[in-house]
Amino acid sequence: MKKIILSLLAMVLVGNLFAQKPSFYSFKFKALDGKEYSFSQLKGKKVLIVNTASKCGYTPQYKELEALYQKYKDQNFIIIGFPANNFMGQEPGTNSEIADFCQKNYGVTFPLMEKSSVKGTDCNPLFRWLCSKDLNGVQDYKVSWNFNKFLIDEKGNLVAHYDSRVSPLDPKILEFLSK
């Protein structure tokens, strides 16, 4: 009996050692237009992930995000927005309404994924990865409001998190992009 228990314990430990954690490039989502968007196409690019909302005090950051994207998009950089209704119902629209709002009011051209949750039990898998040290290998983070920003380097590593108050044009973000 002792041998069986030790064998089972050894198998579990070895299995855990070889268990695959998702990489940044393993994620796939649907964009607002319904087309699949695979993060594997982002290899070699710096990425800014941001959770967005259309009726938030930080919504004008769309303008700064678009300016940042236009300035650096030809330098292996991309922004990906994740509309979410997690904070006081500030993203009530449908995917189509969100797309129209972002285009009409801010001229957004960077990719926006379908509306999803960025916290809680129904959190989308990317934000679960971004916020869990066990998955991202860096640190635990909490999405505390709309327009949190996560920087990913060209190798798919999470390198920084900034809360809503940090402008997309903050010197720390610009420094990351100019490296």
C-alpha atoms as a PDB file:
ATOM      1  CA  MET A   1       0.000   0.000   0.000  1.00  0.00           C
ATOM      2  CA  LYS A   2       2.827   2.360   0.863  1.00  0.00           C
ATOM      3  CA  LYS A   3       4.429   1.726  -2.560  1.00  0.00           C
ATOM      4  CA  ILE A   4       1.177   2.474  -4.356  1.00  0.00           C
ATOM      5  CA  ILE A   5       0.731   5.769  -2.508  1.00  0.00           C
ATOM      6  CA  LEU A   6       4.340   6.776  -3.153  1.00  0.00           C
ATOM      7  CA  SER A   7       3.994   5.859  -6.833  1.00  0.00           C
ATOM      8  CA  LEU A   8       0.814   7.920  -7.176  1.00  0.00           C
ATOM      9  CA  LEU A   9       2.414  10.859  -5.398  1.00  0.00           C
ATOM     10  CA  ALA A  10       5.453  10.661  -7.692  1.00  0.00           C
ATOM     11  CA  MET A  11       3.200  10.587 -10.769  1.00  0.00           C
ATOM     12  CA  VAL A  12       1.293  13.662  -9.597  1.00  0.00           C
ATOM     13  CA  LEU A  13       4.505  15.579  -8.879  1.00  0.00           C
ATOM     14  CA  VAL A  14       6.033  14.679 -12.254  1.00  0.00           C
ATOM     15  CA  GLY A  15       2.763  15.573 -13.996  1.00  0.00           C
ATOM     16  CA  ASN A  16       2.736  18.969 -12.327  1.00  0.00           C
ATOM     17  CA  LEU A  17       6.308  19.640 -13.424  1.00  0.00           C
ATOM     18  CA  PHE A  18       5.395  19.072 -17.047  1.00  0.00           C
ATOM     19  CA  ALA A  19       1.948  20.697 -17.019  1.00  0.00           C
ATOM     20  CA  GLN A  20       1.765  23.351 -19.701  1.00  0.00           C
ATOM     21  CA  LYS A  21       0.858  26.829 -18.598  1.00  0.00           C
ATOM     22  CA  PRO A  22      -0.687  28.927 -21.344  1.00  0.00           C
ATOM     23  CA  SER A  23       1.660  31.363 -23.042  1.00  0.00           C
ATOM     24  CA  PHE A  24       0.577  34.800 -24.161  1.00  0.00           C
ATOM     25  CA  TYR A  25       0.626  33.527 -27.741  1.00  0.00           C
ATOM     26  CA  SER A  26      -1.783  30.657 -27.043  1.00  0.00           C
ATOM     27  CA  PHE A  27      -4.844  32.889 -26.683  1.00  0.00           C
ATOM     28  CA  LYS A  28      -7.553  33.334 -29.299  1.00  0.00           C
ATOM     29  CA  PHE A  29     -10.518  35.683 -29.102  1.00  0.00           C
ATOM     30  CA  LYS A  30     -13.192  37.011 -31.376  1.00  0.00           C
ATOM     31  CA  ALA A  31     -12.825  40.618 -32.452  1.00  0.00           C
ATOM     32  CA  LEU A  32     -15.793  42.991 -32.408  1.00  0.00           C
ATOM     33  CA  ASP A  33     -16.457  42.049 -36.035  1.00  0.00           C
ATOM     34  CA  GLY A  34     -16.831  38.375 -35.014  1.00  0.00           C
ATOM     35  CA  LYS A  35     -13.619  37.192 -36.693  1.00  0.00           C
ATOM     36  CA  GLU A  36     -11.182  35.039 -34.732  1.00  0.00           C
ATOM     37  CA  TYR A  37      -8.047  36.845 -33.576  1.00  0.00           C
ATOM     38  CA  SER A  38      -5.098  34.621 -32.693  1.00  0.00           C
ATOM     39  CA  PHE A  39      -2.415  36.042 -30.444  1.00  0.00           C
ATOM     40  CA  SER A  40       0.144  33.793 -32.170  1.00  0.00           C
ATOM     41  CA  GLN A  41       0.310  36.500 -34.865  1.00  0.00           C
ATOM     42  CA  LEU A  42       1.733  38.900 -32.245  1.00  0.00           C
ATOM     43  CA  LYS A  43       5.105  37.144 -31.912  1.00  0.00           C
ATOM     44  CA  GLY A  44       7.892  39.699 -32.200  1.00  0.00           C
ATOM     45  CA  LYS A  45       5.627  42.640 -31.321  1.00  0.00           C
ATOM     46  CA  LYS A  46       5.294  44.774 -28.232  1.00  0.00           C
ATOM     47  CA  VAL A  47       1.688  44.724 -27.071  1.00  0.00           C
ATOM     48  CA  LEU A  48      -0.445  46.946 -24.878  1.00  0.00           C
ATOM     49  CA  ILE A  49      -3.551  45.211 -23.537  1.00  0.00           C
ATOM     50  CA  VAL A  50      -6.238  47.489 -22.091  1.00  0.00           C
ATOM     51  CA  ASN A  51      -9.719  46.885 -20.703  1.00  0.00           C
ATOM     52  CA  THR A  52     -12.050  49.545 -22.029  1.00  0.00           C
ATOM     53  CA  ALA A  53     -15.498  51.034 -21.458  1.00  0.00           C
ATOM     54  CA  SER A  54     -17.560  53.604 -23.361  1.00  0.00           C
ATOM     55  CA  LYS A  55     -19.201  55.409 -20.431  1.00  0.00           C
ATOM     56  CA  CYS A  56     -16.303  55.895 -18.030  1.00  0.00           C
ATOM     57  CA  GLY A  57     -14.445  58.970 -16.857  1.00  0.00           C
ATOM     58  CA  TYR A  58     -11.359  57.408 -18.468  1.00  0.00           C
ATOM     59  CA  THR A  59     -13.061  56.825 -21.848  1.00  0.00           C
ATOM     60  CA  PRO A  60     -11.201  59.822 -23.389  1.00  0.00           C
ATOM     61  CA  GLN A  61      -8.068  57.658 -23.097  1.00  0.00           C
ATOM     62  CA  TYR A  62      -9.260  56.097 -26.373  1.00  0.00           C
ATOM     63  CA  LYS A  63      -7.893  59.260 -28.037  1.00  0.00           C
ATOM     64  CA  GLU A  64      -4.471  58.786 -26.425  1.00  0.00           C
ATOM     65  CA  LEU A  65      -4.491  55.062 -27.182  1.00  0.00           C
ATOM     66  CA  GLU A  66      -5.209  55.755 -30.848  1.00  0.00           C
ATOM     67  CA  ALA A  67      -2.459  58.425 -30.987  1.00  0.00           C
ATOM     68  CA  LEU A  68      -0.005  55.962 -29.427  1.00  0.00           C
ATOM     69  CA  TYR A  69      -1.040  53.251 -31.871  1.00  0.00           C
ATOM     70  CA  GLN A  70      -0.654  55.545 -34.884  1.00  0.00           C
ATOM     71  CA  LYS A  71       2.803  56.637 -33.752  1.00  0.00           C
ATOM     72  CA  TYR A  72       4.213  53.146 -33.088  1.00  0.00           C
ATOM     73  CA  LYS A  73       2.133  50.684 -35.142  1.00  0.00           C
ATOM     74  CA  ASP A  74       4.811  50.482 -37.848  1.00  0.00           C
ATOM     75  CA  GLN A  75       7.438  49.655 -35.205  1.00  0.00           C
ATOM     76  CA  ASN A  76       6.169  46.186 -34.242  1.00  0.00           C
ATOM     77  CA  PHE A  77       3.655  47.507 -31.727  1.00  0.00           C
ATOM     78  CA  ILE A  78      -0.043  46.848 -31.301  1.00  0.00           C
ATOM     79  CA  ILE A  79      -2.776  47.782 -28.851  1.00  0.00           C
ATOM     80  CA  ILE A  80      -5.593  45.365 -28.156  1.00  0.00           C
ATOM     81  CA  GLY A  81      -8.692  46.578 -26.357  1.00  0.00           C
ATOM     82  CA  PHE A  82     -11.034  44.419 -24.325  1.00  0.00           C
ATOM     83  CA  PRO A  83     -14.387  46.105 -23.722  1.00  0.00           C
ATOM     84  CA  ALA A  84     -15.789  45.004 -20.363  1.00  0.00           C
ATOM     85  CA  ASN A  85     -18.860  45.832 -18.316  1.00  0.00           C
ATOM     86  CA  ASN A  86     -17.363  44.921 -14.934  1.00  0.00           C
ATOM     87  CA  PHE A  87     -17.373  48.366 -13.360  1.00  0.00           C
ATOM     88  CA  MET A  88     -20.709  50.067 -12.630  1.00  0.00           C
ATOM     89  CA  GLY A  89     -22.197  49.040 -15.982  1.00  0.00           C
ATOM     90  CA  GLN A  90     -19.954  51.445 -17.903  1.00  0.00           C
ATOM     91  CA  GLU A  91     -19.873  49.267 -21.048  1.00  0.00           C
ATOM     92  CA  PRO A  92     -23.536  48.433 -21.628  1.00  0.00           C
ATOM     93  CA  GLY A  93     -23.422  48.306 -25.431  1.00  0.00           C
ATOM     94  CA  THR A  94     -23.431  45.382 -27.815  1.00  0.00           C
ATOM     95  CA  ASN A  95     -20.289  44.546 -29.763  1.00  0.00           C
ATOM     96  CA  SER A  96     -21.683  46.434 -32.763  1.00  0.00           C
ATOM     97  CA  GLU A  97     -22.564  49.491 -30.648  1.00  0.00           C
ATOM     98  CA  ILE A  98     -19.085  49.478 -29.077  1.00  0.00           C
ATOM     99  CA  ALA A  99     -17.423  49.326 -32.502  1.00  0.00           C
ATOM    100  CA  ASP A 100     -19.577  52.208 -33.782  1.00  0.00           C
ATOM    101  CA  PHE A 101     -18.934  54.307 -30.668  1.00  0.00           C
ATOM    102  CA  CYS A 102     -15.158  53.829 -30.820  1.00  0.00           C
ATOM    103  CA  GLN A 103     -14.952  54.591 -34.533  1.00  0.00           C
ATOM    104  CA  LYS A 104     -17.321  57.568 -34.504  1.00  0.00           C
ATOM    105  CA  ASN A 105     -16.009  59.262 -31.354  1.00  0.00           C
ATOM    106  CA  TYR A 106     -12.309  58.375 -31.324  1.00  0.00           C
ATOM    107  CA  GLY A 107     -11.429  56.970 -34.769  1.00  0.00           C
ATOM    108  CA  VAL A 108     -10.143  53.774 -33.138  1.00  0.00           C
ATOM    109  CA  THR A 109      -8.255  51.570 -35.594  1.00  0.00           C
ATOM    110  CA  PHE A 110      -6.467  49.219 -33.183  1.00  0.00           C
ATOM    111  CA  PRO A 111      -8.108  45.815 -32.629  1.00  0.00           C
ATOM    112  CA  LEU A 112     -10.938  45.525 -30.135  1.00  0.00           C
ATOM    113  CA  MET A 113     -12.085  42.108 -28.989  1.00  0.00           C
ATOM    114  CA  GLU A 114     -15.658  41.134 -28.199  1.00  0.00           C
ATOM    115  CA  LYS A 115     -16.978  42.350 -24.869  1.00  0.00           C
ATOM    116  CA  SER A 116     -15.978  40.022 -22.048  1.00  0.00           C
ATOM    117  CA  SER A 117     -15.339  40.005 -18.329  1.00  0.00           C
ATOM    118  CA  VAL A 118     -11.908  41.053 -17.016  1.00  0.00           C
ATOM    119  CA  LYS A 119     -12.380  39.975 -13.393  1.00  0.00           C
ATOM    120  CA  GLY A 120     -14.374  37.579 -11.247  1.00  0.00           C
ATOM    121  CA  THR A 121     -15.453  34.005 -11.846  1.00  0.00           C
ATOM    122  CA  ASP A 122     -16.326  34.698 -15.504  1.00  0.00           C
ATOM    123  CA  CYS A 123     -13.018  36.477 -16.221  1.00  0.00           C
ATOM    124  CA  ASN A 124     -11.746  35.861 -19.736  1.00  0.00           C
ATOM    125  CA  PRO A 125      -8.670  33.593 -19.924  1.00  0.00           C
ATOM    126  CA  LEU A 126      -6.245  36.344 -20.990  1.00  0.00           C
ATOM    127  CA  PHE A 127      -7.047  38.559 -18.017  1.00  0.00           C
ATOM    128  CA  ARG A 128      -6.855  35.515 -15.746  1.00  0.00           C
ATOM    129  CA  TRP A 129      -3.310  34.996 -17.161  1.00  0.00           C
ATOM    130  CA  LEU A 130      -2.414  38.696 -16.869  1.00  0.00           C
ATOM    131  CA  CYS A 131      -3.500  38.857 -13.226  1.00  0.00           C
ATOM    132  CA  SER A 132      -2.071  35.566 -11.919  1.00  0.00           C
ATOM    133  CA  LYS A 133       1.605  35.123 -11.046  1.00  0.00           C
ATOM    134  CA  ASP A 134       1.071  31.353 -11.271  1.00  0.00           C
ATOM    135  CA  LEU A 135       0.202  31.813 -14.954  1.00  0.00           C
ATOM    136  CA  ASN A 136       2.181  34.889 -16.066  1.00  0.00           C
ATOM    137  CA  GLY A 137       5.289  34.090 -14.005  1.00  0.00           C
ATOM    138  CA  VAL A 138       5.732  37.708 -12.922  1.00  0.00           C
ATOM    139  CA  GLN A 139       3.267  39.002 -10.368  1.00  0.00           C
ATOM    140  CA  ASP A 140      -0.362  38.973  -9.279  1.00  0.00           C
ATOM    141  CA  TYR A 141      -2.293  42.006 -10.450  1.00  0.00           C
ATOM    142  CA  LYS A 142      -5.830  43.240  -9.931  1.00  0.00           C
ATOM    143  CA  VAL A 143      -7.928  44.987 -12.555  1.00  0.00           C
ATOM    144  CA  SER A 144      -9.447  47.637 -10.329  1.00  0.00           C
ATOM    145  CA  TRP A 145     -11.293  49.719 -12.947  1.00  0.00           C
ATOM    146  CA  ASN A 146     -11.595  50.409 -16.651  1.00  0.00           C
ATOM    147  CA  PHE A 147      -8.496  51.267 -18.694  1.00  0.00           C
ATOM    148  CA  ASN A 148      -5.914  49.180 -16.844  1.00  0.00           C
ATOM    149  CA  LYS A 149      -2.887  48.665 -19.066  1.00  0.00           C
ATOM    150  CA  PHE A 150      -0.626  45.630 -19.425  1.00  0.00           C
ATOM    151  CA  LEU A 151       2.616  45.720 -21.416  1.00  0.00           C
ATOM    152  CA  ILE A 152       3.886  42.584 -23.139  1.00  0.00           C
ATOM    153  CA  ASP A 153       7.356  42.395 -24.698  1.00  0.00           C
ATOM    154  CA  GLU A 154       8.310  40.901 -28.079  1.00  0.00           C
ATOM    155  CA  LYS A 155       8.746  37.458 -26.517  1.00  0.00           C
ATOM    156  CA  GLY A 156       5.286  37.336 -24.960  1.00  0.00           C
ATOM    157  CA  ASN A 157       6.410  38.219 -21.435  1.00  0.00           C
ATOM    158  CA  LEU A 158       4.327  40.421 -19.186  1.00  0.00           C
ATOM    159  CA  VAL A 159       6.572  43.335 -18.233  1.00  0.00           C
ATOM    160  CA  ALA A 160       4.343  45.931 -16.561  1.00  0.00           C
ATOM    161  CA  HIS A 161       0.860  46.806 -15.348  1.00  0.00           C
ATOM    162  CA  TYR A 162      -0.522  50.320 -14.982  1.00  0.00           C
ATOM    163  CA  ASP A 163      -3.827  51.315 -13.452  1.00  0.00           C
ATOM    164  CA  SER A 164      -6.470  53.540 -15.018  1.00  0.00           C
ATOM    165  CA  ARG A 165      -4.913  56.798 -13.882  1.00  0.00           C
ATOM    166  CA  VAL A 166      -1.783  56.217 -15.974  1.00  0.00           C
ATOM    167  CA  SER A 167      -2.084  57.823 -19.382  1.00  0.00           C
ATOM    168  CA  PRO A 168      -1.292  55.686 -22.432  1.00  0.00           C
ATOM    169  CA  LEU A 169       1.205  58.469 -23.257  1.00  0.00           C
ATOM    170  CA  ASP A 170       2.967  58.209 -19.886  1.00  0.00           C
ATOM    171  CA  PRO A 171       6.783  58.400 -20.153  1.00  0.00           C
ATOM    172  CA  LYS A 172       7.117  54.852 -18.722  1.00  0.00           C
ATOM    173  CA  ILE A 173       5.045  53.442 -21.582  1.00  0.00           C
ATOM    174  CA  LEU A 174       6.829  55.586 -24.179  1.00  0.00           C
ATOM    175  CA  GLU A 175      10.196  54.451 -22.825  1.00  0.00           C
ATOM    176  CA  PHE A 176       9.144  50.800 -23.184  1.00  0.00           C
ATOM    177  CA  LEU A 177       8.155  51.408 -26.795  1.00  0.00           C
ATOM    178  CA  SER A 178      11.353  53.274 -27.697  1.00  0.00           C
ATOM    179  CA  LYS A 179      13.666  50.475 -26.480  1.00  0.00           C
END
